[in-house]
PDB file of all heavy atoms in Angstrom:
ATOM      1  N   GLY A   1       5.360  13.728  11.125  1.00  0.00           N
ATOM      2  CA  GLY A   1       4.446  12.808  11.750  1.00  0.00           C
ATOM      3  C   GLY A   1       2.961  12.803  11.489  1.00  0.00           C
ATOM      4  O   GLY A   1       2.092  12.132  11.791  1.00  0.00           O
ATOM      5  N   THR A   2       2.594  13.983  10.719  1.00  0.00           N
ATOM      6  CA  THR A   2       1.314  14.304  10.215  1.00  0.00           C
ATOM      7  C   THR A   2       0.740  13.076   9.393  1.00  0.00           C
ATOM      8  O   THR A   2       1.372  12.773   8.436  1.00  0.00           O
ATOM      9  CB  THR A   2       1.065  15.612   9.520  1.00  0.00           C
ATOM     10  OG1 THR A   2       1.362  16.523  10.463  1.00  0.00           O
ATOM     11  CG2 THR A   2      -0.416  15.831   9.095  1.00  0.00           C
ATOM     12  N   VAL A   3      -0.557  12.566   9.751  1.00  0.00           N
ATOM     13  CA  VAL A   3      -1.007  11.407   8.968  1.00  0.00           C
ATOM     14  C   VAL A   3      -2.206  11.945   8.214  1.00  0.00           C
ATOM     15  O   VAL A   3      -3.117  12.660   8.737  1.00  0.00           O
ATOM     16  CB  VAL A   3      -1.491  10.288   9.861  1.00  0.00           C
ATOM     17  CG1 VAL A   3      -2.197   9.162   9.095  1.00  0.00           C
ATOM     18  CG2 VAL A   3      -0.308   9.794  10.586  1.00  0.00           C
ATOM     19  N   THR A   4      -2.265  11.678   6.843  1.00  0.00           N
ATOM     20  CA  THR A   4      -3.436  11.988   6.170  1.00  0.00           C
ATOM     21  C   THR A   4      -4.037  10.529   5.588  1.00  0.00           C
ATOM     22  O   THR A   4      -3.245   9.749   5.016  1.00  0.00           O
ATOM     23  CB  THR A   4      -3.099  12.767   4.875  1.00  0.00           C
ATOM     24  OG1 THR A   4      -2.501  14.037   5.280  1.00  0.00           O
ATOM     25  CG2 THR A   4      -4.475  13.171   3.950  1.00  0.00           C
ATOM     26  N   GLN A   5      -5.208  10.211   5.783  1.00  0.00           N
ATOM     27  CA  GLN A   5      -5.837   9.171   5.292  1.00  0.00           C
ATOM     28  C   GLN A   5      -6.348   9.366   3.926  1.00  0.00           C
ATOM     29  O   GLN A   5      -7.102  10.538   3.769  1.00  0.00           O
ATOM     30  CB  GLN A   5      -6.888   8.493   6.138  1.00  0.00           C
ATOM     31  CG  GLN A   5      -7.525   7.257   5.662  1.00  0.00           C
ATOM     32  CD  GLN A   5      -8.365   6.618   6.671  1.00  0.00           C
ATOM     33  OE1 GLN A   5      -8.629   7.044   7.730  1.00  0.00           O
ATOM     34  NE2 GLN A   5      -9.058   5.378   6.215  1.00  0.00           N
ATOM     35  N   MET A   6      -6.325   8.610   2.991  1.00  0.00           N
ATOM     36  CA  MET A   6      -6.664   8.890   1.535  1.00  0.00           C
ATOM     37  C   MET A   6      -7.696   7.856   1.063  1.00  0.00           C
ATOM     38  O   MET A   6      -8.460   8.051  -0.010  1.00  0.00           O
ATOM     39  CB  MET A   6      -5.557   8.977   0.622  1.00  0.00           C
ATOM     40  CG  MET A   6      -4.544   9.972   1.170  1.00  0.00           C
ATOM     41  SD  MET A   6      -3.568  10.766  -0.151  1.00  0.00           S
ATOM     42  CE  MET A   6      -4.739  11.762  -1.059  1.00  0.00           C
ATOM     43  N   VAL A   7      -7.736   6.678   1.658  1.00  0.00           N
ATOM     44  CA  VAL A   7      -8.750   5.599   1.214  1.00  0.00           C
ATOM     45  C   VAL A   7      -9.166   4.835   2.550  1.00  0.00           C
ATOM     46  O   VAL A   7      -8.332   4.619   3.395  1.00  0.00           O
ATOM     47  CB  VAL A   7      -7.910   4.535   0.351  1.00  0.00           C
ATOM     48  CG1 VAL A   7      -9.011   3.421  -0.070  1.00  0.00           C
ATOM     49  CG2 VAL A   7      -7.374   5.161  -0.851  1.00  0.00           C
ATOM     50  N   PRO A   8     -10.518   4.584   2.659  1.00  0.00           N
ATOM     51  CA  PRO A   8     -10.971   3.856   3.782  1.00  0.00           C
ATOM     52  C   PRO A   8     -10.355   2.557   3.857  1.00  0.00           C
ATOM     53  O   PRO A   8     -10.049   1.929   2.863  1.00  0.00           O
ATOM     54  CB  PRO A   8     -12.395   3.794   3.522  1.00  0.00           C
ATOM     55  CG  PRO A   8     -12.686   4.944   2.654  1.00  0.00           C
ATOM     56  CD  PRO A   8     -11.618   5.098   1.814  1.00  0.00           C
ATOM     57  N   PHE A   9     -10.108   1.986   5.027  1.00  0.00           N
ATOM     58  CA  PHE A   9      -9.459   0.795   5.241  1.00  0.00           C
ATOM     59  C   PHE A   9     -10.124  -0.498   4.674  1.00  0.00           C
ATOM     60  O   PHE A   9      -9.487  -1.580   4.614  1.00  0.00           O
ATOM     61  CB  PHE A   9      -9.067   0.636   6.746  1.00  0.00           C
ATOM     62  CG  PHE A   9      -8.001   1.627   7.292  1.00  0.00           C
ATOM     63  CD1 PHE A   9      -8.294   2.468   8.313  1.00  0.00           C
ATOM     64  CD2 PHE A   9      -6.827   1.746   6.500  1.00  0.00           C
ATOM     65  CE1 PHE A   9      -7.446   3.382   8.708  1.00  0.00           C
ATOM     66  CE2 PHE A   9      -5.872   2.950   6.881  1.00  0.00           C
ATOM     67  CZ  PHE A   9      -6.273   3.598   8.074  1.00  0.00           C
ATOM     68  N   ASP A  10     -11.419  -0.306   4.515  1.00  0.00           N
ATOM     69  CA  ASP A  10     -12.066  -1.521   3.808  1.00  0.00           C
ATOM     70  C   ASP A  10     -12.219  -1.407   2.333  1.00  0.00           C
ATOM     71  O   ASP A  10     -12.956  -2.108   1.667  1.00  0.00           O
ATOM     72  CB  ASP A  10     -13.575  -1.633   4.477  1.00  0.00           C
ATOM     73  CG  ASP A  10     -14.446  -0.455   4.173  1.00  0.00           C
ATOM     74  OD1 ASP A  10     -13.880   0.640   3.771  1.00  0.00           O
ATOM     75  OD2 ASP A  10     -15.667  -0.632   4.168  1.00  0.00           O
ATOM     76  N   GLN A  11     -11.436  -0.495   1.844  1.00  0.00           N
ATOM     77  CA  GLN A  11     -11.416  -0.286   0.323  1.00  0.00           C
ATOM     78  C   GLN A  11     -10.033  -0.523  -0.163  1.00  0.00           C
ATOM     79  O   GLN A  11      -9.088  -0.197   0.480  1.00  0.00           O
ATOM     80  CB  GLN A  11     -11.931   1.129   0.099  1.00  0.00           C
ATOM     81  CG  GLN A  11     -12.294   1.360  -1.395  1.00  0.00           C
ATOM     82  CD  GLN A  11     -12.953   2.810  -1.568  1.00  0.00           C
ATOM     83  OE1 GLN A  11     -13.377   3.404  -0.607  1.00  0.00           O
ATOM     84  NE2 GLN A  11     -13.052   3.184  -2.904  1.00  0.00           N
ATOM     85  N   ILE A  12      -9.980  -1.050  -1.426  1.00  0.00           N
ATOM     86  CA  ILE A  12      -8.731  -1.352  -1.986  1.00  0.00           C
ATOM     87  C   ILE A  12      -7.931   0.000  -2.479  1.00  0.00           C
ATOM     88  O   ILE A  12      -8.559   0.824  -3.143  1.00  0.00           O
ATOM     89  CB  ILE A  12      -8.862  -2.239  -3.188  1.00  0.00           C
ATOM     90  CG1 ILE A  12      -9.330  -3.540  -2.804  1.00  0.00           C
ATOM     91  CG2 ILE A  12      -7.580  -2.431  -4.047  1.00  0.00           C
ATOM     92  CD1 ILE A  12      -9.760  -4.529  -3.812  1.00  0.00           C
ATOM     93  N   ALA A  13      -6.652   0.083  -2.062  1.00  0.00           N
ATOM     94  CA  ALA A  13      -5.931   1.110  -2.690  1.00  0.00           C
ATOM     95  C   ALA A  13      -4.922   0.602  -3.521  1.00  0.00           C
ATOM     96  O   ALA A  13      -4.420  -0.546  -3.491  1.00  0.00           O
ATOM     97  CB  ALA A  13      -5.163   1.882  -1.418  1.00  0.00           C
ATOM     98  N   TYR A  14      -4.437   1.345  -4.540  1.00  0.00           N
ATOM     99  CA  TYR A  14      -3.655   0.944  -5.547  1.00  0.00           C
ATOM    100  C   TYR A  14      -2.099   1.261  -5.194  1.00  0.00           C
ATOM    101  O   TYR A  14      -1.477   2.151  -5.933  1.00  0.00           O
ATOM    102  CB  TYR A  14      -3.958   1.529  -7.001  1.00  0.00           C
ATOM    103  CG  TYR A  14      -5.312   1.037  -7.452  1.00  0.00           C
ATOM    104  CD1 TYR A  14      -6.096   2.058  -8.154  1.00  0.00           C
ATOM    105  CD2 TYR A  14      -5.811  -0.175  -7.181  1.00  0.00           C
ATOM    106  CE1 TYR A  14      -7.294   1.654  -8.584  1.00  0.00           C
ATOM    107  CE2 TYR A  14      -7.084  -0.632  -7.597  1.00  0.00           C
ATOM    108  CZ  TYR A  14      -7.833   0.315  -8.350  1.00  0.00           C
ATOM    109  OH  TYR A  14      -9.087  -0.053  -8.706  1.00  0.00           O
ATOM    110  N   HIS A  15      -1.421   0.628  -4.260  1.00  0.00           N
ATOM    111  CA  HIS A  15      -0.185   0.933  -3.743  1.00  0.00           C
ATOM    112  C   HIS A  15       0.923  -0.238  -4.169  1.00  0.00           C
ATOM    113  O   HIS A  15       2.016   0.061  -4.172  1.00  0.00           O
ATOM    114  CB  HIS A  15      -0.258   1.066  -2.321  1.00  0.00           C
ATOM    115  CG  HIS A  15      -0.603  -0.157  -1.485  1.00  0.00           C
ATOM    116  ND1 HIS A  15       0.156  -1.051  -0.997  1.00  0.00           N
ATOM    117  CD2 HIS A  15      -1.838  -0.581  -1.250  1.00  0.00           C
ATOM    118  CE1 HIS A  15      -0.432  -1.827  -0.438  1.00  0.00           C
ATOM    119  NE2 HIS A  15      -1.844  -1.672  -0.446  1.00  0.00           N
ATOM    120  N   ALA A  16       0.414  -1.370  -4.392  1.00  0.00           N
ATOM    121  CA  ALA A  16       1.293  -2.481  -4.378  1.00  0.00           C
ATOM    122  C   ALA A  16       1.872  -2.835  -5.871  1.00  0.00           C
ATOM    123  O   ALA A  16       2.853  -3.533  -5.999  1.00  0.00           O
ATOM    124  CB  ALA A  16       0.690  -3.801  -3.851  1.00  0.00           C
ATOM    125  N   GLY A  17       1.110  -2.445  -6.823  1.00  0.00           N
ATOM    126  CA  GLY A  17       1.452  -2.812  -8.217  1.00  0.00           C
ATOM    127  C   GLY A  17       1.394  -4.184  -8.561  1.00  0.00           C
ATOM    128  O   GLY A  17       0.642  -4.995  -7.928  1.00  0.00           O
ATOM    129  N   LYS A  18       2.269  -4.669  -9.401  1.00  0.00           N
ATOM    130  CA  LYS A  18       2.389  -6.123  -9.698  1.00  0.00           C
ATOM    131  C   LYS A  18       3.055  -6.788  -8.582  1.00  0.00           C
ATOM    132  O   LYS A  18       4.179  -6.501  -8.301  1.00  0.00           O
ATOM    133  CB  LYS A  18       3.059  -6.298 -11.018  1.00  0.00           C
ATOM    134  CG  LYS A  18       3.076  -7.733 -11.563  1.00  0.00           C
ATOM    135  CD  LYS A  18       3.741  -7.859 -12.831  1.00  0.00           C
ATOM    136  CE  LYS A  18       3.638  -9.420 -13.258  1.00  0.00           C
ATOM    137  NZ  LYS A  18       4.318  -9.529 -14.635  1.00  0.00           N
ATOM    138  N   SER A  19       2.462  -7.538  -7.845  1.00  0.00           N
ATOM    139  CA  SER A  19       2.921  -8.069  -6.584  1.00  0.00           C
ATOM    140  C   SER A  19       2.451  -9.429  -6.193  1.00  0.00           C
ATOM    141  O   SER A  19       1.321  -9.840  -6.580  1.00  0.00           O
ATOM    142  CB  SER A  19       2.554  -7.018  -5.502  1.00  0.00           C
ATOM    143  OG  SER A  19       1.163  -6.853  -5.498  1.00  0.00           O
ATOM    144  N   THR A  20       3.202 -10.027  -5.350  1.00  0.00           N
ATOM    145  CA  THR A  20       2.797 -11.382  -4.743  1.00  0.00           C
ATOM    146  C   THR A  20       3.296 -11.470  -3.366  1.00  0.00           C
ATOM    147  O   THR A  20       4.491 -11.083  -3.016  1.00  0.00           O
ATOM    148  CB  THR A  20       3.564 -12.630  -5.588  1.00  0.00           C
ATOM    149  OG1 THR A  20       3.168 -12.350  -7.042  1.00  0.00           O
ATOM    150  CG2 THR A  20       3.157 -13.925  -5.136  1.00  0.00           C
ATOM    151  N   TRP A  21       2.464 -12.166  -2.473  1.00  0.00           N
ATOM    152  CA  TRP A  21       2.922 -12.429  -1.172  1.00  0.00           C
ATOM    153  C   TRP A  21       2.212 -13.611  -0.565  1.00  0.00           C
ATOM    154  O   TRP A  21       0.989 -13.726  -0.815  1.00  0.00           O
ATOM    155  CB  TRP A  21       2.585 -11.249  -0.189  1.00  0.00           C
ATOM    156  CG  TRP A  21       3.202 -11.419   1.218  1.00  0.00           C
ATOM    157  CD1 TRP A  21       2.448 -11.533   2.377  1.00  0.00           C
ATOM    158  CD2 TRP A  21       4.604 -11.449   1.480  1.00  0.00           C
ATOM    159  NE1 TRP A  21       3.420 -11.788   3.404  1.00  0.00           N
ATOM    160  CE2 TRP A  21       4.651 -11.647   2.882  1.00  0.00           C
ATOM    161  CE3 TRP A  21       5.867 -11.244   0.709  1.00  0.00           C
ATOM    162  CZ2 TRP A  21       5.899 -11.762   3.576  1.00  0.00           C
ATOM    163  CZ3 TRP A  21       7.072 -11.400   1.490  1.00  0.00           C
ATOM    164  CH2 TRP A  21       7.091 -11.666   2.774  1.00  0.00           C
ATOM    165  N   GLY A  22       2.935 -14.439   0.079  1.00  0.00           N
ATOM    166  CA  GLY A  22       2.299 -15.671   0.640  1.00  0.00           C
ATOM    167  C   GLY A  22       1.678 -16.590  -0.475  1.00  0.00           C
ATOM    168  O   GLY A  22       0.706 -17.223  -0.068  1.00  0.00           O
ATOM    169  N   GLY A  23       2.201 -16.583  -1.613  1.00  0.00           N
ATOM    170  CA  GLY A  23       1.648 -17.407  -2.607  1.00  0.00           C
ATOM    171  C   GLY A  23       0.485 -16.833  -3.343  1.00  0.00           C
ATOM    172  O   GLY A  23      -0.106 -17.438  -4.183  1.00  0.00           O
ATOM    173  N   LYS A  24       0.042 -15.610  -3.008  1.00  0.00           N
ATOM    174  CA  LYS A  24      -1.041 -15.006  -3.568  1.00  0.00           C
ATOM    175  C   LYS A  24      -0.584 -13.790  -4.315  1.00  0.00           C
ATOM    176  O   LYS A  24       0.075 -12.858  -3.876  1.00  0.00           O
ATOM    177  CB  LYS A  24      -2.101 -14.555  -2.488  1.00  0.00           C
ATOM    178  CG  LYS A  24      -2.689 -15.739  -1.688  1.00  0.00           C
ATOM    179  CD  LYS A  24      -3.492 -15.334  -0.471  1.00  0.00           C
ATOM    180  CE  LYS A  24      -4.706 -14.400  -0.795  1.00  0.00           C
ATOM    181  NZ  LYS A  24      -5.358 -13.962   0.327  1.00  0.00           N
ATOM    182  N   SER A  25      -1.187 -13.668  -5.509  1.00  0.00           N
ATOM    183  CA  SER A  25      -0.856 -12.317  -6.350  1.00  0.00           C
ATOM    184  C   SER A  25      -1.859 -11.396  -6.121  1.00  0.00           C
ATOM    185  O   SER A  25      -2.962 -11.533  -5.601  1.00  0.00           O
ATOM    186  CB  SER A  25      -0.809 -12.789  -7.838  1.00  0.00           C
ATOM    187  OG  SER A  25      -2.021 -13.286  -8.273  1.00  0.00           O
ATOM    188  N   GLY A  26      -1.515 -10.123  -6.560  1.00  0.00           N
ATOM    189  CA  GLY A  26      -2.415  -8.835  -6.471  1.00  0.00           C
ATOM    190  C   GLY A  26      -2.531  -8.531  -5.053  1.00  0.00           C
ATOM    191  O   GLY A  26      -3.574  -8.590  -4.451  1.00  0.00           O
ATOM    192  N   VAL A  27      -1.488  -8.060  -4.308  1.00  0.00           N
ATOM    193  CA  VAL A  27      -1.443  -7.851  -3.022  1.00  0.00           C
ATOM    194  C   VAL A  27      -2.360  -6.630  -2.635  1.00  0.00           C
ATOM    195  O   VAL A  27      -2.829  -6.470  -1.458  1.00  0.00           O
ATOM    196  CB  VAL A  27       0.018  -7.500  -2.525  1.00  0.00           C
ATOM    197  CG1 VAL A  27       0.099  -7.144  -1.141  1.00  0.00           C
ATOM    198  CG2 VAL A  27       0.828  -8.734  -2.745  1.00  0.00           C
ATOM    199  N   ASN A  28      -2.621  -5.705  -3.485  1.00  0.00           N
ATOM    200  CA  ASN A  28      -3.639  -4.700  -3.208  1.00  0.00           C
ATOM    201  C   ASN A  28      -4.951  -5.264  -2.658  1.00  0.00           C
ATOM    202  O   ASN A  28      -5.597  -4.543  -1.737  1.00  0.00           O
ATOM    203  CB  ASN A  28      -3.919  -3.868  -4.506  1.00  0.00           C
ATOM    204  CG  ASN A  28      -2.932  -2.864  -4.969  1.00  0.00           C
ATOM    205  OD1 ASN A  28      -2.112  -2.470  -4.156  1.00  0.00           O
ATOM    206  ND2 ASN A  28      -2.737  -2.737  -6.266  1.00  0.00           N
ATOM    207  N   ALA A  29      -5.419  -6.370  -3.007  1.00  0.00           N
ATOM    208  CA  ALA A  29      -6.649  -6.920  -2.623  1.00  0.00           C
ATOM    209  C   ALA A  29      -6.798  -7.321  -1.128  1.00  0.00           C
ATOM    210  O   ALA A  29      -7.768  -7.463  -0.677  1.00  0.00           O
ATOM    211  CB  ALA A  29      -7.042  -8.093  -3.602  1.00  0.00           C
ATOM    212  N   PHE A  30      -5.622  -7.539  -0.501  1.00  0.00           N
ATOM    213  CA  PHE A  30      -5.646  -7.990   0.825  1.00  0.00           C
ATOM    214  C   PHE A  30      -4.627  -7.286   1.748  1.00  0.00           C
ATOM    215  O   PHE A  30      -4.068  -7.809   2.730  1.00  0.00           O
ATOM    216  CB  PHE A  30      -5.418  -9.494   0.830  1.00  0.00           C
ATOM    217  CG  PHE A  30      -4.204 -10.001   0.255  1.00  0.00           C
ATOM    218  CD1 PHE A  30      -2.948 -10.108   0.949  1.00  0.00           C
ATOM    219  CD2 PHE A  30      -4.214 -10.424  -1.062  1.00  0.00           C
ATOM    220  CE1 PHE A  30      -1.786 -10.700   0.327  1.00  0.00           C
ATOM    221  CE2 PHE A  30      -3.009 -10.841  -1.760  1.00  0.00           C
ATOM    222  CZ  PHE A  30      -1.792 -10.976  -0.994  1.00  0.00           C
ATOM    223  N   SER A  31      -4.292  -6.014   1.362  1.00  0.00           N
ATOM    224  CA  SER A  31      -3.301  -5.320   2.122  1.00  0.00           C
ATOM    225  C   SER A  31      -3.710  -3.754   2.420  1.00  0.00           C
ATOM    226  O   SER A  31      -4.451  -3.242   1.642  1.00  0.00           O
ATOM    227  CB  SER A  31      -1.905  -5.284   1.451  1.00  0.00           C
ATOM    228  OG  SER A  31      -1.937  -4.539   0.221  1.00  0.00           O
ATOM    229  N   ILE A  32      -3.032  -3.230   3.379  1.00  0.00           N
ATOM    230  CA  ILE A  32      -3.322  -1.738   3.726  1.00  0.00           C
ATOM    231  C   ILE A  32      -1.942  -1.160   3.388  1.00  0.00           C
ATOM    232  O   ILE A  32      -0.908  -1.614   3.924  1.00  0.00           O
ATOM    233  CB  ILE A  32      -3.769  -1.602   5.141  1.00  0.00           C
ATOM    234  CG1 ILE A  32      -5.191  -2.017   5.261  1.00  0.00           C
ATOM    235  CG2 ILE A  32      -3.531  -0.085   5.590  1.00  0.00           C
ATOM    236  CD1 ILE A  32      -5.763  -2.060   6.683  1.00  0.00           C
ATOM    237  N   GLY A  33      -1.908  -0.089   2.579  1.00  0.00           N
ATOM    238  CA  GLY A  33      -0.701   0.524   2.243  1.00  0.00           C
ATOM    239  C   GLY A  33      -0.400   1.806   2.960  1.00  0.00           C
ATOM    240  O   GLY A  33      -1.318   2.798   3.125  1.00  0.00           O
ATOM    241  N   ILE A  34       0.787   1.914   3.547  1.00  0.00           N
ATOM    242  CA  ILE A  34       1.294   3.172   4.285  1.00  0.00           C
ATOM    243  C   ILE A  34       2.347   3.781   3.499  1.00  0.00           C
ATOM    244  O   ILE A  34       3.444   3.068   3.396  1.00  0.00           O
ATOM    245  CB  ILE A  34       1.649   2.800   5.693  1.00  0.00           C
ATOM    246  CG1 ILE A  34       0.537   2.270   6.481  1.00  0.00           C
ATOM    247  CG2 ILE A  34       2.240   4.103   6.366  1.00  0.00           C
ATOM    248  CD1 ILE A  34       0.982   1.844   7.825  1.00  0.00           C
ATOM    249  N   GLU A  35       2.231   5.015   3.145  1.00  0.00           N
ATOM    250  CA  GLU A  35       3.379   5.815   2.422  1.00  0.00           C
ATOM    251  C   GLU A  35       4.152   6.647   3.383  1.00  0.00           C
ATOM    252  O   GLU A  35       3.389   7.625   4.072  1.00  0.00           O
ATOM    253  CB  GLU A  35       2.829   6.554   1.204  1.00  0.00           C
ATOM    254  CG  GLU A  35       2.443   5.617   0.044  1.00  0.00           C
ATOM    255  CD  GLU A  35       3.536   5.194  -0.893  1.00  0.00           C
ATOM    256  OE1 GLU A  35       4.634   5.674  -0.579  1.00  0.00           O
ATOM    257  OE2 GLU A  35       3.244   4.530  -1.817  1.00  0.00           O
ATOM    258  N   ILE A  36       5.328   6.440   3.564  1.00  0.00           N
ATOM    259  CA  ILE A  36       6.203   7.376   4.438  1.00  0.00           C
ATOM    260  C   ILE A  36       6.945   8.369   3.604  1.00  0.00           C
ATOM    261  O   ILE A  36       7.607   7.970   2.594  1.00  0.00           O
ATOM    262  CB  ILE A  36       7.187   6.486   5.198  1.00  0.00           C
ATOM    263  CG1 ILE A  36       6.484   5.537   6.114  1.00  0.00           C
ATOM    264  CG2 ILE A  36       7.955   7.467   6.161  1.00  0.00           C
ATOM    265  CD1 ILE A  36       7.412   4.608   6.878  1.00  0.00           C
ATOM    266  N   VAL A  37       6.698   9.622   3.815  1.00  0.00           N
ATOM    267  CA  VAL A  37       7.367  10.542   2.949  1.00  0.00           C
ATOM    268  C   VAL A  37       8.867  10.623   3.158  1.00  0.00           C
ATOM    269  O   VAL A  37       9.413  10.862   4.161  1.00  0.00           O
ATOM    270  CB  VAL A  37       6.869  12.000   3.296  1.00  0.00           C
ATOM    271  CG1 VAL A  37       7.642  13.101   2.544  1.00  0.00           C
ATOM    272  CG2 VAL A  37       5.401  12.110   3.040  1.00  0.00           C
ATOM    273  N   ASN A  38       9.674  10.200   2.219  1.00  0.00           N
ATOM    274  CA  ASN A  38      10.999   9.887   2.162  1.00  0.00           C
ATOM    275  C   ASN A  38      11.489   9.899   0.727  1.00  0.00           C
ATOM    276  O   ASN A  38      10.759   9.259  -0.085  1.00  0.00           O
ATOM    277  CB  ASN A  38      11.355   8.686   2.978  1.00  0.00           C
ATOM    278  CG  ASN A  38      12.794   8.541   3.260  1.00  0.00           C
ATOM    279  OD1 ASN A  38      13.513   8.046   2.328  1.00  0.00           O
ATOM    280  ND2 ASN A  38      13.305   8.892   4.336  1.00  0.00           N
ATOM    281  N   PRO A  39      12.710  10.297   0.385  1.00  0.00           N
ATOM    282  CA  PRO A  39      13.128  10.444  -0.885  1.00  0.00           C
ATOM    283  C   PRO A  39      13.594   8.953  -1.416  1.00  0.00           C
ATOM    284  O   PRO A  39      13.782   8.700  -2.667  1.00  0.00           O
ATOM    285  CB  PRO A  39      14.345  11.251  -0.992  1.00  0.00           C
ATOM    286  CG  PRO A  39      14.761  11.409   0.369  1.00  0.00           C
ATOM    287  CD  PRO A  39      13.592  11.212   1.294  1.00  0.00           C
ATOM    288  N   GLY A  40      13.768   8.049  -0.460  1.00  0.00           N
ATOM    289  CA  GLY A  40      14.138   6.656  -0.763  1.00  0.00           C
ATOM    290  C   GLY A  40      15.732   6.721  -1.115  1.00  0.00           C
ATOM    291  O   GLY A  40      16.444   7.495  -0.699  1.00  0.00           O
ATOM    292  N   MET A  41      16.020   5.656  -1.971  1.00  0.00           N
ATOM    293  CA  MET A  41      17.536   5.526  -2.237  1.00  0.00           C
ATOM    294  C   MET A  41      18.018   6.620  -3.193  1.00  0.00           C
ATOM    295  O   MET A  41      17.351   6.934  -4.146  1.00  0.00           O
ATOM    296  CB  MET A  41      17.745   4.196  -2.960  1.00  0.00           C
ATOM    297  CG  MET A  41      19.352   3.823  -2.887  1.00  0.00           C
ATOM    298  SD  MET A  41      19.984   3.518  -1.262  1.00  0.00           S
ATOM    299  CE  MET A  41      19.553   1.723  -1.139  1.00  0.00           C
ATOM    300  N   MET A  42      19.191   7.231  -2.880  1.00  0.00           N
ATOM    301  CA  MET A  42      19.596   8.463  -3.613  1.00  0.00           C
ATOM    302  C   MET A  42      21.108   8.151  -3.982  1.00  0.00           C
ATOM    303  O   MET A  42      21.683   7.147  -3.688  1.00  0.00           O
ATOM    304  CB  MET A  42      19.583   9.724  -2.846  1.00  0.00           C
ATOM    305  CG  MET A  42      18.074  10.060  -2.492  1.00  0.00           C
ATOM    306  SD  MET A  42      17.932  11.550  -1.584  1.00  0.00           S
ATOM    307  CE  MET A  42      18.471  10.914   0.113  1.00  0.00           C
TER     308      MET A  42
END
């Protein structure tokens, strides 16, 4: 549950890659990215 912040919330982080949401591309420009430490699908 330890949280580390790595980018201020008013600054763009590069977490979304090539992405689209709500008819808008480049989701990095209007989103906040949270990474949960987990191996994902195995």
